[in-house]
Amino acid sequence: MAWSFKIGTIGGTAIRVHVTFAILLAWIWLMHYRIGGTPAAIAGIAFVLAIFVCVVLHEFGHIAVARHFGVKTPDITLLPIGGVARLERMPEEPKEEFLIAIAGPLVNVAIAGILLLLLGTTAGMEQIQDIEDPQLGFLARLAGVNIFLVLFNLIPAFPMDGGRVLRAALASRMSWSRATQVAATIGQGLAFVFGFVGLFYNPLLIFIGIFVYLAATAEAQNAQIRDLSDSVLVGDVMITEFARLERSASIDEAIESLLATTQREFPVVDGAGHFMGLLTRDDIIRNLKESGSATPVVQAMRQDVPTVHFRKRLEESLRLMQQANSPAVAVVDSHNHLVGLMTHENIGEMMMVRAAAAGGFRFGHLRRSKPDARI
C-alpha cells in the first residue's frame, strides 16, 4: 500500500487512503456533474463518502473482534473497491479467523437494518436495487449499498471476507496451509470469471478480477512462508555476508558501500560489533539530498529495527518484521553481536529454492557442517 496517505487515527488504528480513491472521487464528480450540474456532483461525492464511512465501520467490525483475540490492527487502507485492515498477525485458530472475518459483513447487515427501519414503508425494492440512480432517495440507496457490500464481501475469494470464512471452514478439516491453497485456488478461478464477464458487461469487473487474483496469489505465498517458517531456524537462511557500517561512518562512506555492493540495507554497528541501527538505500539518498554527504550515519539510520537470536524459528523473524513494518531484521548472537540479516529479498529467494527443489531441500545443513560455523 505504498501509494496511500494517512488521514487520521482512530483507537490506535491509522486510517489511510489510497491515491486511486481521489481518482474515483474525480470520476464521480464528473459523471454527476454531466447529469445535474454542481448540486448533483456534490450529492454524488457526499454519497460516495457515506459509503466509505460504512466501509470504515465494516473494517472496525473486524478490528473489534480481532482485538478481542489479542490481534492488533496497525492500519486500514481505503481503496476504490473497499477497505483493507492489516492484521499484526494471523489468528491462531480457525474459529478466531471465522469470527473476525464475519464481523465486517455483520456490521453492514446492522447498518442496512437501521436504515430500513428509519425509512419504514417509504423504501421500495426498486430504490434499494437501483443504487446508481441519483434521483432516488439517499438513505434507500445507502441501504442498498450495504446489502451489496454484504453479498460482495461473502464471495469466497481473497481478499474478501468470504475467502477467509472459506479458509476457516476448510482449516477445521485440514492443515491451515492446505486450506489456504484450496481457498486461494478457488479465488483465482473466480478472478478469471470476473475478468471474462467484465469483457462483455462491465469493465470494472476486470479490475476486480485482477485485484482478486493478485490477492489470492499473495495469500497462497504467505501460507507457504508460514508453513516453512515453523521448521526452519533464522540461522539456516539468514544473510551472513554483507557490508557493515561503523557508527563513526558518514553518508559518504555509506554511498561507497551502496555502489560497491548489491545491498539495499546496511546495518550500523559499534566497535564491539553490537547492532545499533539500519541504514537503507532510501535513507542514504534522502539524507544526501537534505543534509549532505558528511552527515553521520547514526543520525540517518533507523533505530526501530527489531533483532532476533539466530536460534529462533523463522516464524519469529517474520512476525517481528511485520509488526515493525521493517525492511529487515537484525540477527544477533547471545552477546548481541550482529551475525546476520533477514530481509524480504532473501525470504523470496528461500521460497524460490523450495519451489525449485522437487525432492525438498534441507535448509541449513551445509552451514551446520562447517567446523567454524557460528550456528
Protein backbone atom coordinates (compact mmCIF):
# COMPACT_ATOMS: atom_id res chain seq x y z
CA MET A 1 0.00 0.00 0.00
CA ALA A 2 2.84 2.39 -0.83
CA TRP A 3 0.52 4.73 -2.76
CA SER A 4 -1.54 5.66 0.27
CA PHE A 5 -1.52 8.53 2.76
CA LYS A 6 -2.66 8.80 6.36
CA ILE A 7 -5.73 10.93 7.12
CA GLY A 8 -6.13 10.20 10.82
CA THR A 9 -6.08 7.65 13.66
CA ILE A 10 -9.00 6.03 15.49
CA GLY A 11 -8.39 3.92 18.57
CA GLY A 12 -4.74 3.33 17.70
CA THR A 13 -5.51 2.29 14.11
CA ALA A 14 -4.29 4.59 11.34
CA ILE A 15 -6.77 5.38 8.56
CA ARG A 16 -5.04 5.50 5.18
CA VAL A 17 -6.49 6.40 1.78
CA HIS A 18 -5.07 5.05 -1.47
CA VAL A 19 -4.40 7.66 -4.15
CA THR A 20 -6.76 5.85 -6.53
CA PHE A 21 -9.59 6.90 -4.21
CA ALA A 22 -9.00 10.51 -5.33
CA ILE A 23 -9.36 9.34 -8.94
CA LEU A 24 -12.67 7.70 -8.01
CA LEU A 25 -13.95 10.96 -6.45
CA ALA A 26 -12.95 12.91 -9.56
CA TRP A 27 -14.77 10.40 -11.79
CA ILE A 28 -17.91 10.54 -9.60
CA TRP A 29 -17.85 14.36 -9.69
CA LEU A 30 -17.64 14.45 -13.50
CA MET A 31 -20.34 11.80 -14.04
CA HIS A 32 -22.82 13.50 -11.71
CA TYR A 33 -21.93 16.98 -12.99
CA ARG A 34 -22.89 15.91 -16.51
CA ILE A 35 -26.27 14.73 -15.19
CA GLY A 36 -27.29 17.66 -12.98
CA GLY A 37 -24.50 20.20 -12.64
CA THR A 38 -22.79 21.21 -9.41
CA PRO A 39 -25.63 20.23 -6.99
CA ALA A 40 -25.71 16.71 -8.44
CA ALA A 41 -21.90 16.46 -8.29
CA ILE A 42 -21.88 17.48 -4.61
CA ALA A 43 -24.62 14.96 -3.87
CA GLY A 44 -22.65 12.26 -5.68
CA ILE A 45 -19.49 12.97 -3.67
CA ALA A 46 -21.49 13.00 -0.44
CA PHE A 47 -22.97 9.60 -1.30
CA VAL A 48 -19.53 8.09 -2.01
CA LEU A 49 -18.17 9.48 1.26
CA ALA A 50 -21.16 7.99 3.10
CA ILE A 51 -20.37 4.63 1.52
CA PHE A 52 -16.79 4.79 2.73
CA VAL A 53 -17.95 5.66 6.24
CA CYS A 54 -19.85 2.37 6.08
CA VAL A 55 -16.69 0.67 4.79
CA VAL A 56 -14.67 2.06 7.71
CA LEU A 57 -17.32 0.81 10.15
CA HIS A 58 -17.12 -2.56 8.38
CA GLU A 59 -13.36 -2.68 8.95
CA PHE A 60 -13.75 -1.69 12.60
CA GLY A 61 -16.07 -4.67 12.97
CA HIS A 62 -13.09 -6.82 12.05
CA ILE A 63 -10.85 -4.80 14.36
CA ALA A 64 -13.11 -5.10 17.40
CA VAL A 65 -13.24 -8.90 17.17
CA ALA A 66 -9.51 -9.14 16.32
CA ARG A 67 -8.62 -7.16 19.43
CA HIS A 68 -10.82 -9.47 21.47
CA PHE A 69 -8.47 -12.28 20.42
CA GLY A 70 -5.36 -10.18 21.07
CA VAL A 71 -4.64 -9.34 17.42
CA LYS A 72 -3.67 -5.69 16.81
CA THR A 73 -4.52 -3.77 13.62
CA PRO A 74 -1.95 -1.07 12.77
CA ASP A 75 -3.92 0.50 9.91
CA ILE A 76 -6.83 0.47 7.47
CA THR A 77 -6.36 1.37 3.80
CA LEU A 78 -9.34 2.60 1.80
CA LEU A 79 -9.38 1.55 -1.86
CA PRO A 80 -11.92 2.30 -4.63
CA ILE A 81 -13.38 -1.21 -4.20
CA GLY A 82 -13.43 -1.20 -0.39
CA GLY A 83 -11.14 -1.27 2.62
CA VAL A 84 -8.32 -3.49 3.85
CA ALA A 85 -7.48 -3.83 7.56
CA ARG A 86 -3.89 -5.00 8.16
CA LEU A 87 -3.62 -7.52 10.99
CA GLU A 88 -0.42 -7.62 13.05
CA ARG A 89 -0.56 -11.43 12.92
CA MET A 90 -2.89 -14.11 11.65
CA PRO A 91 -5.39 -15.64 14.11
CA GLU A 92 -4.20 -18.88 15.67
CA GLU A 93 -7.45 -20.84 15.44
CA PRO A 94 -9.91 -21.31 12.51
CA LYS A 95 -12.77 -20.25 14.81
CA GLU A 96 -11.00 -16.95 15.52
CA GLU A 97 -10.45 -16.22 11.84
CA PHE A 98 -14.07 -17.09 11.08
CA LEU A 99 -15.40 -14.68 13.72
CA ILE A 100 -13.01 -11.89 12.68
CA ALA A 101 -13.94 -12.32 9.00
CA ILE A 102 -17.71 -12.49 9.51
CA ALA A 103 -17.78 -9.46 11.84
CA GLY A 104 -17.37 -6.98 8.97
CA PRO A 105 -20.37 -8.12 6.89
CA LEU A 106 -22.48 -8.28 10.07
CA VAL A 107 -21.78 -4.57 10.60
CA ASN A 108 -23.19 -3.86 7.13
CA VAL A 109 -26.23 -6.01 7.92
CA ALA A 110 -26.79 -3.87 11.03
CA ILE A 111 -26.38 -0.60 9.09
CA ALA A 112 -28.81 -1.73 6.38
CA GLY A 113 -31.31 -2.83 9.02
CA ILE A 114 -31.15 0.52 10.84
CA LEU A 115 -31.58 2.46 7.58
CA LEU A 116 -34.57 0.35 6.55
CA LEU A 117 -36.17 0.88 9.95
CA LEU A 118 -35.71 4.64 9.58
CA LEU A 119 -37.26 4.56 6.11
CA GLY A 120 -40.17 2.39 7.19
CA THR A 121 -42.53 1.70 4.28
CA THR A 122 -41.22 4.56 2.13
CA ALA A 123 -38.43 2.45 0.59
CA GLY A 124 -39.35 0.06 -2.17
CA MET A 125 -37.18 -2.74 -3.58
CA GLU A 126 -36.61 -0.74 -6.78
CA GLN A 127 -34.95 2.06 -4.78
CA ILE A 128 -32.74 -0.34 -2.87
CA GLN A 129 -31.72 -2.19 -6.04
CA ASP A 130 -31.10 0.83 -8.28
CA ILE A 131 -28.31 2.35 -6.21
CA GLU A 132 -26.74 4.11 -9.22
CA ASP A 133 -29.73 6.40 -9.86
CA PRO A 134 -29.03 9.77 -8.11
CA GLN A 135 -32.71 10.71 -8.41
CA LEU A 136 -33.71 8.10 -5.81
CA GLY A 137 -33.58 8.53 -2.02
CA PHE A 138 -30.17 8.93 -0.36
CA LEU A 139 -30.86 6.60 2.60
CA ALA A 140 -32.58 3.95 0.46
CA ARG A 141 -29.60 3.82 -1.89
CA LEU A 142 -27.21 3.68 1.08
CA ALA A 143 -29.17 0.73 2.48
CA GLY A 144 -28.88 -0.96 -0.91
CA VAL A 145 -25.12 -0.38 -0.94
CA ASN A 146 -24.75 -2.04 2.47
CA ILE A 147 -26.74 -5.06 1.27
CA PHE A 148 -24.46 -5.21 -1.78
CA LEU A 149 -21.36 -4.97 0.47
CA VAL A 150 -22.56 -7.96 2.46
CA LEU A 151 -23.08 -10.06 -0.69
CA PHE A 152 -19.86 -8.87 -2.33
CA ASN A 153 -17.70 -9.48 0.75
CA LEU A 154 -19.06 -13.00 1.17
CA ILE A 155 -17.74 -14.06 -2.25
CA PRO A 156 -15.37 -16.97 -1.40
CA ALA A 157 -12.21 -15.34 -2.73
CA PHE A 158 -9.32 -13.46 -1.14
CA PRO A 159 -9.11 -10.64 -0.11
CA MET A 160 -12.89 -10.62 0.50
CA ASP A 161 -14.15 -11.82 3.85
CA GLY A 162 -15.76 -14.82 2.17
CA GLY A 163 -12.31 -16.13 1.25
CA ARG A 164 -11.26 -16.04 4.90
CA VAL A 165 -14.52 -17.62 6.02
CA LEU A 166 -13.92 -20.40 3.47
CA ARG A 167 -10.35 -20.92 4.70
CA ALA A 168 -11.52 -21.06 8.32
CA ALA A 169 -14.10 -23.70 7.39
CA LEU A 170 -11.53 -25.75 5.45
CA ALA A 171 -8.90 -25.38 8.20
CA SER A 172 -11.20 -27.19 10.62
CA ARG A 173 -10.79 -30.30 8.44
CA MET A 174 -7.25 -29.91 7.02
CA SER A 175 -3.99 -28.06 7.71
CA TRP A 176 -4.01 -24.25 7.63
CA SER A 177 -1.53 -24.22 4.72
CA ARG A 178 -3.58 -26.67 2.65
CA ALA A 179 -6.79 -24.79 3.43
CA THR A 180 -5.18 -21.57 2.22
CA GLN A 181 -4.01 -23.20 -1.01
CA VAL A 182 -7.52 -24.53 -1.74
CA ALA A 183 -9.19 -21.20 -0.92
CA ALA A 184 -6.61 -19.31 -3.00
CA THR A 185 -7.18 -21.61 -5.98
CA ILE A 186 -10.94 -21.03 -5.78
CA GLY A 187 -10.28 -17.28 -5.57
CA GLN A 188 -8.05 -17.36 -8.65
CA GLY A 189 -10.74 -19.26 -10.55
CA LEU A 190 -13.34 -16.65 -9.60
CA ALA A 191 -10.92 -13.91 -10.68
CA PHE A 192 -10.89 -15.35 -14.20
CA VAL A 193 -14.70 -15.47 -14.14
CA PHE A 194 -14.82 -11.80 -13.13
CA GLY A 195 -12.43 -10.87 -15.93
CA PHE A 196 -14.33 -12.86 -18.57
CA VAL A 197 -17.72 -11.45 -17.57
CA GLY A 198 -16.19 -7.96 -17.43
CA LEU A 199 -15.21 -8.19 -21.08
CA PHE A 200 -18.88 -8.33 -22.07
CA TYR A 201 -20.71 -6.39 -19.34
CA ASN A 202 -18.72 -4.13 -17.01
CA PRO A 203 -15.00 -3.27 -17.35
CA LEU A 204 -14.87 -2.70 -13.58
CA LEU A 205 -15.15 -6.47 -13.14
CA ILE A 206 -11.84 -6.84 -14.99
CA PHE A 207 -10.14 -4.60 -12.44
CA ILE A 208 -11.77 -6.52 -9.58
CA GLY A 209 -10.68 -9.80 -11.16
CA ILE A 210 -7.05 -8.65 -11.36
CA PHE A 211 -7.14 -7.47 -7.75
CA VAL A 212 -8.68 -10.76 -6.54
CA TYR A 213 -6.15 -12.84 -8.50
CA LEU A 214 -3.17 -10.94 -7.07
CA ALA A 215 -4.58 -11.08 -3.54
CA ALA A 216 -5.23 -14.84 -3.79
CA THR A 217 -1.70 -15.42 -5.11
CA ALA A 218 -0.17 -13.34 -2.30
CA GLU A 219 -2.21 -15.20 0.31
CA ALA A 220 -1.01 -18.54 -1.05
CA GLN A 221 2.61 -17.37 -0.95
CA ASN A 222 2.21 -16.13 2.62
CA ALA A 223 0.81 -19.52 3.59
CA GLN A 224 3.85 -21.26 2.07
CA ILE A 225 6.19 -18.97 4.00
CA ARG A 226 4.31 -19.54 7.25
CA ASP A 227 4.31 -23.31 6.71
CA LEU A 228 8.05 -23.33 6.06
CA SER A 229 8.88 -20.94 8.92
CA ASP A 230 7.66 -23.46 11.51
CA SER A 231 10.53 -25.85 10.74
CA VAL A 232 13.40 -23.53 9.79
CA LEU A 233 15.69 -21.56 12.09
CA VAL A 234 16.70 -17.97 11.38
CA GLY A 235 20.33 -19.06 11.30
CA ASP A 236 19.56 -21.53 8.49
CA VAL A 237 18.57 -18.88 5.95
CA MET A 238 19.94 -15.53 7.16
CA ILE A 239 22.37 -13.45 5.10
CA THR A 240 25.85 -13.82 6.58
CA GLU A 241 27.98 -11.98 4.02
CA PHE A 242 27.17 -8.27 3.92
CA ALA A 243 28.78 -4.87 4.34
CA ARG A 244 28.56 -3.17 7.75
CA LEU A 245 28.89 0.50 8.59
CA GLU A 246 30.74 1.68 11.68
CA ARG A 247 28.95 4.14 13.94
CA SER A 248 31.59 6.75 13.03
CA ALA A 249 30.87 6.43 9.29
CA SER A 250 29.28 9.19 7.22
CA ILE A 251 26.76 9.13 4.37
CA ASP A 252 29.74 9.49 2.04
CA GLU A 253 31.08 6.11 3.20
CA ALA A 254 27.61 4.62 3.01
CA ILE A 255 27.41 5.70 -0.65
CA GLU A 256 30.66 3.86 -1.36
CA SER A 257 29.22 0.67 0.15
CA LEU A 258 25.99 1.18 -1.78
CA LEU A 259 27.83 1.40 -5.10
CA ALA A 260 30.26 -1.43 -4.30
CA THR A 261 27.62 -3.98 -3.29
CA THR A 262 24.13 -5.11 -4.27
CA GLN A 263 22.81 -4.41 -0.76
CA ARG A 264 19.85 -2.16 -0.03
CA GLU A 265 20.09 -2.35 3.76
CA PHE A 266 23.25 -1.60 5.75
CA PRO A 267 23.50 -2.44 9.46
CA VAL A 268 25.33 0.05 11.68
CA VAL A 269 27.47 -1.45 14.46
CA ASP A 270 29.65 -0.11 17.26
CA GLY A 271 33.30 -1.01 17.84
CA ALA A 272 32.36 -4.28 19.57
CA GLY A 273 30.08 -5.40 16.74
CA HIS A 274 26.82 -4.69 18.56
CA PHE A 275 23.90 -3.78 16.33
CA MET A 276 22.84 -0.12 16.58
CA GLY A 277 20.53 0.54 13.65
CA LEU A 278 19.84 0.08 9.94
CA LEU A 279 20.50 2.42 7.04
CA THR A 280 18.50 1.72 3.89
CA ARG A 281 19.20 2.87 0.35
CA ASP A 282 16.30 5.32 0.56
CA ASP A 283 17.71 6.72 3.83
CA ILE A 284 21.06 7.28 2.13
CA ILE A 285 19.60 9.11 -0.87
CA ARG A 286 17.23 11.21 1.23
CA ASN A 287 19.92 12.35 3.66
CA LEU A 288 22.33 13.03 0.82
CA LYS A 289 19.76 15.44 -0.66
CA GLU A 290 18.70 17.05 2.60
CA SER A 291 21.85 17.29 4.72
CA GLY A 292 24.81 16.33 2.56
CA SER A 293 27.37 13.54 2.36
CA ALA A 294 29.10 14.49 5.64
CA THR A 295 26.03 13.53 7.70
CA PRO A 296 26.88 10.81 10.28
CA VAL A 297 25.07 7.54 9.64
CA VAL A 298 23.92 7.43 13.29
CA GLN A 299 21.73 10.46 12.54
CA ALA A 300 20.23 8.91 9.42
CA MET A 301 19.76 5.27 10.45
CA ARG A 302 16.55 3.62 11.61
CA GLN A 303 16.68 2.59 15.26
CA ASP A 304 13.32 0.80 15.37
CA VAL A 305 14.61 -2.27 13.52
CA PRO A 306 13.94 -5.44 15.57
CA THR A 307 16.56 -8.01 16.48
CA VAL A 308 16.20 -11.77 16.76
CA HIS A 309 18.52 -14.53 18.01
CA PHE A 310 19.83 -16.83 15.30
CA ARG A 311 18.48 -19.88 17.15
CA LYS A 312 14.88 -18.60 16.95
CA ARG A 313 12.48 -20.02 14.40
CA LEU A 314 11.99 -18.14 11.16
CA GLU A 315 8.38 -17.52 12.18
CA GLU A 316 9.59 -15.20 14.95
CA SER A 317 11.66 -13.19 12.46
CA LEU A 318 8.71 -12.79 10.09
CA ARG A 319 6.42 -11.72 12.93
CA LEU A 320 8.88 -9.06 14.12
CA MET A 321 9.38 -7.77 10.59
CA GLN A 322 5.64 -7.46 10.05
CA GLN A 323 4.91 -5.84 13.42
CA ALA A 324 7.62 -3.20 12.97
CA ASN A 325 6.91 -2.78 9.22
CA SER A 326 10.66 -3.09 8.84
CA PRO A 327 12.65 -3.88 5.67
CA ALA A 328 14.91 -6.22 7.62
CA VAL A 329 15.54 -7.91 10.95
CA ALA A 330 18.99 -7.89 12.54
CA VAL A 331 20.14 -11.37 13.63
CA VAL A 332 22.31 -11.43 16.77
CA ASP A 333 24.03 -13.98 18.98
CA SER A 334 23.77 -14.35 22.76
CA HIS A 335 26.13 -11.40 23.25
CA ASN A 336 24.09 -9.11 20.94
CA HIS A 337 26.79 -9.26 18.27
CA LEU A 338 25.45 -8.87 14.73
CA VAL A 339 25.78 -12.20 12.88
CA GLY A 340 23.28 -11.88 10.04
CA LEU A 341 20.35 -10.16 8.37
CA MET A 342 16.87 -11.29 7.37
CA THR A 343 15.34 -9.28 4.50
CA HIS A 344 12.30 -9.58 2.26
CA GLU A 345 14.64 -10.36 -0.63
CA ASN A 346 16.30 -13.37 0.94
CA ILE A 347 12.91 -14.68 2.13
CA GLY A 348 11.83 -14.55 -1.53
CA GLU A 349 14.98 -16.40 -2.56
CA MET A 350 14.30 -19.03 0.08
CA MET A 351 10.83 -19.61 -1.37
CA MET A 352 12.24 -19.91 -4.90
CA VAL A 353 14.71 -22.54 -3.70
CA ARG A 354 11.96 -24.50 -2.02
CA ALA A 355 9.75 -24.33 -5.13
CA ALA A 356 12.61 -25.46 -7.40
CA ALA A 357 13.68 -28.40 -5.19
CA ALA A 358 11.27 -31.12 -6.26
CA GLY A 359 12.55 -33.55 -3.64
CA GLY A 360 12.74 -30.97 -0.89
CA PHE A 361 15.71 -29.00 0.41
CA ARG A 362 17.01 -29.13 3.98
CA PHE A 363 17.87 -25.54 4.84
CA GLY A 364 20.96 -25.01 6.98
CA HIS A 365 22.55 -28.46 6.68
CA LEU A 366 25.58 -27.12 4.79
CA ARG A 367 26.13 -24.29 7.27
CA ARG A 368 25.96 -26.67 10.22
CA SER A 369 28.50 -28.98 8.58
CA LYS A 370 31.20 -26.31 8.57
CA PRO A 371 33.61 -26.56 11.56
CA ASP A 372 33.75 -22.77 12.03
CA ALA A 373 30.02 -22.14 11.54
CA ARG A 374 28.50 -19.84 14.16
CA ILE A 375 25.30 -21.84 14.29
